[in-house]
Amino acid sequence: MERIDLLQLDRLMEGFMLLFSHQEEIKFTSLVLERQTKERSKNMKKRINPKLIDSENPELTNDDFAKMRPASEVLPELFCAEIAKELLIPRGRPRLEKTKEHINIRLSPDVVEHFKSAGSGWQSRIDAALRQYIAEHP
């Protein structure tokens, strides 16, 4: 593929400016520059930064992965049962038995503003209001 020098690119751009809108001109320019960048980067050798090489932590191999065991097996061997049990407790909010269903709903702006004005938890308040309505209107 033939490389285009900047002078040729300028001449091409002048011709294309007459034909294309400003947006199309920008797209064309970025495509040309992207192609030139890809060509230049193909020939570049990937250099490894010696500061990032960590001889104490070599890259894991397939054998290393095969030897791995779950934390539930390893932790009781390393710590007492009580500490191992505590370390294995999942973090974050506990999962609910019955999770809420994710939906999209369109509400009037004043309704949304009313519920949001009371702060965080506005979606839960809408849920509670709808539950109250269901209880009152069986």
N, C-alpha and C. Protein backbone atom coordinates (compact mmCIF):
# COMPACT_ATOMS: atom_id res chain seq x y z
N MET A 1 0.84 -1.19 0.00
CA MET A 1 0.00 0.00 0.00
C MET A 1 0.88 1.24 0.00
N GLU A 2 0.56 2.20 -0.79
CA GLU A 2 1.35 3.42 -0.95
C GLU A 2 1.05 4.40 0.18
N ARG A 3 2.09 4.97 0.75
CA ARG A 3 1.90 5.95 1.82
C ARG A 3 1.62 7.31 1.22
N ILE A 4 0.81 8.07 1.88
CA ILE A 4 0.46 9.41 1.42
C ILE A 4 1.23 10.40 2.28
N ASP A 5 2.02 11.30 1.67
CA ASP A 5 2.72 12.29 2.48
C ASP A 5 1.75 13.43 2.80
N LEU A 6 2.17 14.30 3.68
CA LEU A 6 1.29 15.37 4.17
C LEU A 6 0.88 16.33 3.07
N LEU A 7 1.76 16.61 2.10
CA LEU A 7 1.42 17.51 1.01
C LEU A 7 0.32 16.91 0.15
N GLN A 8 0.45 15.62 -0.16
CA GLN A 8 -0.60 14.94 -0.93
C GLN A 8 -1.91 14.92 -0.15
N LEU A 9 -1.79 14.71 1.16
CA LEU A 9 -2.98 14.69 2.00
C LEU A 9 -3.66 16.05 1.98
N ASP A 10 -2.87 17.12 2.05
CA ASP A 10 -3.43 18.48 1.98
C ASP A 10 -4.18 18.71 0.67
N ARG A 11 -3.58 18.29 -0.45
CA ARG A 11 -4.23 18.47 -1.76
C ARG A 11 -5.52 17.66 -1.84
N LEU A 12 -5.46 16.43 -1.34
CA LEU A 12 -6.67 15.61 -1.32
C LEU A 12 -7.76 16.27 -0.49
N MET A 13 -7.36 16.80 0.67
CA MET A 13 -8.33 17.42 1.57
C MET A 13 -8.97 18.64 0.91
N GLU A 14 -8.19 19.44 0.20
CA GLU A 14 -8.74 20.61 -0.49
C GLU A 14 -9.80 20.19 -1.49
N GLY A 15 -9.52 19.12 -2.24
CA GLY A 15 -10.49 18.62 -3.21
C GLY A 15 -11.73 18.07 -2.55
N PHE A 16 -11.54 17.34 -1.45
CA PHE A 16 -12.67 16.74 -0.77
C PHE A 16 -13.50 17.76 0.00
N MET A 17 -12.88 18.85 0.43
CA MET A 17 -13.64 19.87 1.15
C MET A 17 -14.74 20.45 0.29
N LEU A 18 -14.49 20.52 -1.00
CA LEU A 18 -15.52 21.03 -1.90
C LEU A 18 -16.70 20.06 -2.01
N LEU A 19 -16.42 18.76 -1.86
CA LEU A 19 -17.45 17.75 -2.05
C LEU A 19 -18.16 17.33 -0.77
N PHE A 20 -17.43 17.35 0.35
CA PHE A 20 -17.98 16.80 1.58
C PHE A 20 -18.30 17.89 2.59
N SER A 21 -19.17 17.54 3.50
CA SER A 21 -19.47 18.45 4.61
C SER A 21 -18.31 18.40 5.60
N HIS A 22 -18.35 19.25 6.57
CA HIS A 22 -17.29 19.31 7.58
C HIS A 22 -17.17 17.98 8.33
N GLN A 23 -18.29 17.38 8.70
CA GLN A 23 -18.27 16.10 9.42
C GLN A 23 -17.63 15.01 8.58
N GLU A 24 -17.99 14.94 7.32
CA GLU A 24 -17.41 13.93 6.45
C GLU A 24 -15.91 14.17 6.27
N GLU A 25 -15.52 15.43 6.26
CA GLU A 25 -14.10 15.78 6.15
C GLU A 25 -13.33 15.25 7.37
N ILE A 26 -13.90 15.43 8.54
CA ILE A 26 -13.28 14.95 9.77
C ILE A 26 -13.18 13.42 9.75
N LYS A 27 -14.24 12.74 9.31
CA LYS A 27 -14.22 11.28 9.23
C LYS A 27 -13.14 10.81 8.27
N PHE A 28 -13.05 11.45 7.12
CA PHE A 28 -12.05 11.07 6.12
C PHE A 28 -10.63 11.26 6.67
N THR A 29 -10.39 12.41 7.29
CA THR A 29 -9.07 12.68 7.85
C THR A 29 -8.71 11.66 8.91
N SER A 30 -9.65 11.35 9.79
CA SER A 30 -9.34 10.39 10.85
C SER A 30 -9.09 9.00 10.29
N LEU A 31 -9.80 8.63 9.22
CA LEU A 31 -9.56 7.32 8.60
C LEU A 31 -8.16 7.25 7.99
N VAL A 32 -7.75 8.30 7.31
CA VAL A 32 -6.41 8.33 6.70
C VAL A 32 -5.35 8.24 7.79
N LEU A 33 -5.49 9.05 8.83
CA LEU A 33 -4.50 9.05 9.91
C LEU A 33 -4.50 7.72 10.66
N GLU A 34 -5.67 7.13 10.84
CA GLU A 34 -5.76 5.83 11.51
C GLU A 34 -5.03 4.77 10.71
N ARG A 35 -5.21 4.78 9.40
CA ARG A 35 -4.55 3.81 8.53
C ARG A 35 -3.03 3.98 8.60
N GLN A 36 -2.57 5.23 8.56
CA GLN A 36 -1.12 5.48 8.65
C GLN A 36 -0.56 5.03 10.00
N THR A 37 -1.31 5.26 11.07
CA THR A 37 -0.87 4.86 12.40
C THR A 37 -0.77 3.34 12.49
N LYS A 38 -1.75 2.64 11.94
CA LYS A 38 -1.72 1.18 11.96
C LYS A 38 -0.52 0.64 11.20
N GLU A 39 -0.22 1.26 10.06
CA GLU A 39 0.93 0.83 9.27
C GLU A 39 2.23 1.01 10.06
N ARG A 40 2.36 2.17 10.72
CA ARG A 40 3.58 2.43 11.48
C ARG A 40 3.69 1.48 12.67
N SER A 41 2.57 1.21 13.35
CA SER A 41 2.63 0.38 14.56
C SER A 41 2.86 -1.09 14.23
N LYS A 42 2.53 -1.54 12.99
CA LYS A 42 2.81 -2.93 12.60
C LYS A 42 4.30 -3.21 12.64
N ASN A 43 5.10 -2.22 12.26
CA ASN A 43 6.55 -2.41 12.17
C ASN A 43 7.26 -2.18 13.50
N MET A 44 6.55 -1.68 14.48
CA MET A 44 7.18 -1.40 15.77
C MET A 44 7.30 -2.67 16.60
N LYS A 45 8.44 -2.85 17.24
CA LYS A 45 8.65 -3.99 18.11
C LYS A 45 8.13 -3.64 19.49
N LYS A 46 7.49 -4.62 20.12
CA LYS A 46 6.96 -4.39 21.46
C LYS A 46 8.11 -4.48 22.45
N ARG A 47 8.37 -3.38 23.14
CA ARG A 47 9.45 -3.35 24.12
C ARG A 47 8.89 -3.65 25.50
N ILE A 48 9.59 -4.48 26.23
CA ILE A 48 9.19 -4.82 27.59
C ILE A 48 9.93 -3.90 28.54
N ASN A 49 9.18 -3.28 29.41
CA ASN A 49 9.76 -2.37 30.39
C ASN A 49 10.43 -3.21 31.49
N PRO A 50 11.75 -3.13 31.65
CA PRO A 50 12.43 -3.97 32.64
C PRO A 50 11.97 -3.69 34.07
N LYS A 51 11.47 -2.48 34.31
CA LYS A 51 10.98 -2.16 35.66
C LYS A 51 9.71 -2.93 36.00
N LEU A 52 8.97 -3.38 34.96
CA LEU A 52 7.72 -4.09 35.20
C LEU A 52 7.91 -5.60 35.32
N ILE A 53 9.12 -6.09 35.05
CA ILE A 53 9.37 -7.53 35.16
C ILE A 53 9.54 -7.86 36.63
N ASP A 54 8.76 -8.79 37.11
CA ASP A 54 8.77 -9.17 38.52
C ASP A 54 9.18 -10.63 38.62
N SER A 55 10.43 -10.88 38.93
CA SER A 55 10.92 -12.26 39.00
C SER A 55 10.33 -13.02 40.17
N GLU A 56 9.83 -12.30 41.18
CA GLU A 56 9.23 -12.98 42.32
C GLU A 56 7.81 -13.46 42.02
N ASN A 57 7.19 -12.89 41.01
CA ASN A 57 5.83 -13.27 40.63
C ASN A 57 5.78 -13.60 39.14
N PRO A 58 6.29 -14.76 38.76
CA PRO A 58 6.28 -15.11 37.33
C PRO A 58 4.86 -15.36 36.83
N GLU A 59 4.70 -15.30 35.53
CA GLU A 59 3.38 -15.54 34.92
C GLU A 59 2.96 -16.98 35.18
N LEU A 60 1.69 -17.18 35.50
CA LEU A 60 1.18 -18.52 35.81
C LEU A 60 1.11 -19.38 34.55
N THR A 61 1.42 -20.65 34.72
CA THR A 61 1.36 -21.61 33.60
C THR A 61 0.12 -22.47 33.74
N ASN A 62 -0.15 -23.32 32.74
CA ASN A 62 -1.29 -24.24 32.82
C ASN A 62 -1.13 -25.22 33.98
N ASP A 63 0.12 -25.64 34.26
CA ASP A 63 0.37 -26.53 35.40
C ASP A 63 0.02 -25.85 36.71
N ASP A 64 0.37 -24.56 36.82
CA ASP A 64 0.03 -23.80 38.03
C ASP A 64 -1.48 -23.75 38.23
N PHE A 65 -2.22 -23.49 37.15
CA PHE A 65 -3.68 -23.45 37.25
C PHE A 65 -4.24 -24.81 37.64
N ALA A 66 -3.65 -25.88 37.13
CA ALA A 66 -4.13 -27.24 37.44
C ALA A 66 -3.93 -27.57 38.92
N LYS A 67 -2.90 -27.02 39.54
CA LYS A 67 -2.60 -27.29 40.95
C LYS A 67 -3.46 -26.46 41.91
N MET A 68 -4.11 -25.45 41.41
CA MET A 68 -4.88 -24.56 42.28
C MET A 68 -6.08 -25.28 42.89
N ARG A 69 -6.39 -24.86 44.15
CA ARG A 69 -7.55 -25.42 44.86
C ARG A 69 -8.42 -24.27 45.36
N PRO A 70 -9.70 -24.54 45.60
CA PRO A 70 -10.58 -23.47 46.10
C PRO A 70 -10.16 -23.01 47.49
N ALA A 71 -10.46 -21.77 47.80
CA ALA A 71 -10.13 -21.19 49.10
C ALA A 71 -10.77 -21.98 50.23
N SER A 72 -11.95 -22.55 49.99
CA SER A 72 -12.64 -23.31 51.05
C SER A 72 -11.84 -24.54 51.47
N GLU A 73 -10.96 -25.05 50.59
CA GLU A 73 -10.10 -26.18 50.94
C GLU A 73 -8.79 -25.71 51.57
N VAL A 74 -8.24 -24.61 51.10
CA VAL A 74 -6.91 -24.16 51.52
C VAL A 74 -6.93 -23.42 52.85
N LEU A 75 -7.90 -22.52 53.05
CA LEU A 75 -7.91 -21.68 54.24
C LEU A 75 -7.96 -22.46 55.55
N PRO A 76 -8.77 -23.54 55.67
CA PRO A 76 -8.77 -24.29 56.93
C PRO A 76 -7.41 -24.92 57.25
N GLU A 77 -6.60 -25.19 56.22
CA GLU A 77 -5.26 -25.74 56.45
C GLU A 77 -4.31 -24.66 56.96
N LEU A 78 -4.53 -23.41 56.56
CA LEU A 78 -3.63 -22.32 56.92
C LEU A 78 -4.02 -21.62 58.23
N PHE A 79 -5.32 -21.55 58.52
CA PHE A 79 -5.81 -20.84 59.69
C PHE A 79 -6.68 -21.77 60.51
N CYS A 80 -7.00 -21.34 61.73
CA CYS A 80 -7.93 -22.14 62.53
C CYS A 80 -9.31 -22.08 61.87
N ALA A 81 -10.18 -23.02 62.21
CA ALA A 81 -11.49 -23.15 61.57
C ALA A 81 -12.31 -21.87 61.69
N GLU A 82 -12.22 -21.20 62.85
CA GLU A 82 -13.03 -20.00 63.08
C GLU A 82 -12.62 -18.86 62.13
N ILE A 83 -11.32 -18.65 62.00
CA ILE A 83 -10.83 -17.58 61.11
C ILE A 83 -11.12 -17.94 59.65
N ALA A 84 -10.91 -19.21 59.29
CA ALA A 84 -11.18 -19.64 57.91
C ALA A 84 -12.65 -19.41 57.56
N LYS A 85 -13.54 -19.74 58.50
CA LYS A 85 -14.98 -19.55 58.26
C LYS A 85 -15.30 -18.08 58.06
N GLU A 86 -14.67 -17.22 58.87
CA GLU A 86 -14.91 -15.78 58.76
C GLU A 86 -14.39 -15.24 57.43
N LEU A 87 -13.24 -15.74 56.96
CA LEU A 87 -12.68 -15.29 55.70
C LEU A 87 -13.52 -15.74 54.49
N LEU A 88 -14.26 -16.81 54.66
CA LEU A 88 -15.06 -17.34 53.55
C LEU A 88 -16.46 -16.74 53.45
N ILE A 89 -16.81 -15.87 54.40
CA ILE A 89 -18.13 -15.22 54.35
C ILE A 89 -18.14 -14.27 53.16
N PRO A 90 -19.14 -14.39 52.27
CA PRO A 90 -19.19 -13.50 51.10
C PRO A 90 -19.35 -12.04 51.54
N ARG A 91 -18.70 -11.16 50.82
CA ARG A 91 -18.79 -9.74 51.12
C ARG A 91 -19.99 -9.13 50.40
N GLY A 92 -20.36 -7.95 50.86
CA GLY A 92 -21.44 -7.23 50.20
C GLY A 92 -22.79 -7.53 50.80
N ARG A 93 -23.79 -7.03 50.14
CA ARG A 93 -25.16 -7.18 50.60
C ARG A 93 -25.61 -8.63 50.40
N PRO A 94 -26.24 -9.24 51.43
CA PRO A 94 -26.70 -10.62 51.27
C PRO A 94 -27.79 -10.71 50.19
N ARG A 95 -27.79 -11.81 49.48
CA ARG A 95 -28.80 -12.00 48.43
C ARG A 95 -30.17 -12.25 49.06
N LEU A 96 -31.17 -11.68 48.45
CA LEU A 96 -32.54 -11.86 48.92
C LEU A 96 -33.10 -13.16 48.36
N GLU A 97 -34.03 -13.76 49.12
CA GLU A 97 -34.68 -14.97 48.61
C GLU A 97 -35.45 -14.66 47.34
N LYS A 98 -36.21 -13.57 47.41
CA LYS A 98 -37.02 -13.17 46.26
C LYS A 98 -36.51 -11.81 45.79
N THR A 99 -35.76 -11.81 44.69
CA THR A 99 -35.19 -10.55 44.20
C THR A 99 -36.24 -9.76 43.42
N LYS A 100 -35.99 -8.47 43.32
CA LYS A 100 -36.90 -7.62 42.56
C LYS A 100 -36.65 -7.82 41.07
N GLU A 101 -37.67 -7.56 40.28
CA GLU A 101 -37.56 -7.69 38.83
C GLU A 101 -37.18 -6.35 38.23
N HIS A 102 -36.22 -6.38 37.31
CA HIS A 102 -35.79 -5.16 36.65
C HIS A 102 -36.73 -4.87 35.48
N ILE A 103 -37.36 -3.68 35.50
CA ILE A 103 -38.26 -3.27 34.41
C ILE A 103 -37.98 -1.83 34.04
N ASN A 104 -38.51 -1.41 32.92
CA ASN A 104 -38.50 0.01 32.55
C ASN A 104 -39.92 0.51 32.67
N ILE A 105 -40.08 1.65 33.30
CA ILE A 105 -41.42 2.21 33.49
C ILE A 105 -41.34 3.71 33.24
N ARG A 106 -42.37 4.24 32.62
CA ARG A 106 -42.41 5.68 32.34
C ARG A 106 -43.35 6.33 33.36
N LEU A 107 -42.83 7.31 34.09
CA LEU A 107 -43.60 8.02 35.10
C LEU A 107 -43.59 9.50 34.80
N SER A 108 -44.59 10.20 35.29
CA SER A 108 -44.65 11.66 35.13
C SER A 108 -43.48 12.30 35.86
N PRO A 109 -42.93 13.37 35.28
CA PRO A 109 -41.78 14.03 35.91
C PRO A 109 -42.05 14.47 37.35
N ASP A 110 -43.27 14.96 37.62
CA ASP A 110 -43.57 15.41 38.98
C ASP A 110 -43.60 14.26 39.98
N VAL A 111 -44.01 13.06 39.54
CA VAL A 111 -44.01 11.88 40.42
C VAL A 111 -42.57 11.50 40.75
N VAL A 112 -41.73 11.45 39.73
CA VAL A 112 -40.33 11.09 39.95
C VAL A 112 -39.66 12.12 40.85
N GLU A 113 -39.91 13.41 40.60
CA GLU A 113 -39.32 14.47 41.41
C GLU A 113 -39.75 14.36 42.87
N HIS A 114 -41.03 14.02 43.09
CA HIS A 114 -41.53 13.88 44.46
C HIS A 114 -40.78 12.78 45.20
N PHE A 115 -40.62 11.62 44.59
CA PHE A 115 -39.95 10.50 45.26
C PHE A 115 -38.45 10.75 45.39
N LYS A 116 -37.82 11.37 44.40
CA LYS A 116 -36.39 11.63 44.47
C LYS A 116 -36.07 12.73 45.49
N SER A 117 -37.00 13.65 45.73
CA SER A 117 -36.74 14.77 46.63
C SER A 117 -36.46 14.31 48.06
N ALA A 118 -36.91 13.13 48.43
CA ALA A 118 -36.68 12.62 49.78
C ALA A 118 -35.32 11.93 49.91
N GLY A 119 -34.56 11.87 48.83
CA GLY A 119 -33.21 11.30 48.91
C GLY A 119 -33.13 9.90 48.35
N SER A 120 -32.02 9.23 48.69
CA SER A 120 -31.78 7.90 48.16
C SER A 120 -32.86 6.92 48.64
N GLY A 121 -33.05 5.87 47.88
CA GLY A 121 -34.09 4.90 48.20
C GLY A 121 -35.43 5.23 47.56
N TRP A 122 -35.41 6.16 46.60
CA TRP A 122 -36.67 6.60 45.98
C TRP A 122 -37.35 5.48 45.22
N GLN A 123 -36.59 4.58 44.62
CA GLN A 123 -37.21 3.47 43.90
C GLN A 123 -37.91 2.52 44.87
N SER A 124 -37.31 2.31 46.03
CA SER A 124 -37.94 1.47 47.05
C SER A 124 -39.23 2.11 47.57
N ARG A 125 -39.23 3.45 47.68
CA ARG A 125 -40.46 4.14 48.12
C ARG A 125 -41.56 4.01 47.07
N ILE A 126 -41.20 4.06 45.79
CA ILE A 126 -42.20 3.84 44.75
C ILE A 126 -42.74 2.42 44.85
N ASP A 127 -41.85 1.45 45.10
CA ASP A 127 -42.27 0.05 45.26
C ASP A 127 -43.24 -0.07 46.44
N ALA A 128 -42.92 0.59 47.56
CA ALA A 128 -43.79 0.54 48.75
C ALA A 128 -45.15 1.18 48.46
N ALA A 129 -45.15 2.30 47.73
CA ALA A 129 -46.41 2.97 47.39
C ALA A 129 -47.28 2.07 46.51
N LEU A 130 -46.63 1.38 45.56
CA LEU A 130 -47.40 0.47 44.69
C LEU A 130 -47.92 -0.72 45.48
N ARG A 131 -47.14 -1.22 46.43
CA ARG A 131 -47.60 -2.33 47.29
C ARG A 131 -48.80 -1.88 48.13
N GLN A 132 -48.72 -0.67 48.64
CA GLN A 132 -49.84 -0.14 49.44
C GLN A 132 -51.10 -0.05 48.58
N TYR A 133 -50.95 0.42 47.35
CA TYR A 133 -52.08 0.53 46.45
C TYR A 133 -52.70 -0.86 46.19
N ILE A 134 -51.85 -1.87 46.00
CA ILE A 134 -52.33 -3.23 45.75
C ILE A 134 -53.10 -3.74 46.98
N ALA A 135 -52.57 -3.45 48.19
CA ALA A 135 -53.23 -3.91 49.42
C ALA A 135 -54.60 -3.23 49.59
N GLU A 136 -54.68 -1.96 49.22
CA GLU A 136 -55.93 -1.21 49.38
C GLU A 136 -56.93 -1.48 48.25
N HIS A 137 -56.47 -1.97 47.12
CA HIS A 137 -57.32 -2.24 45.97
C HIS A 137 -57.12 -3.67 45.47
N PRO A 138 -57.65 -4.63 46.22
CA PRO A 138 -57.44 -6.03 45.83
C PRO A 138 -58.10 -6.43 44.52
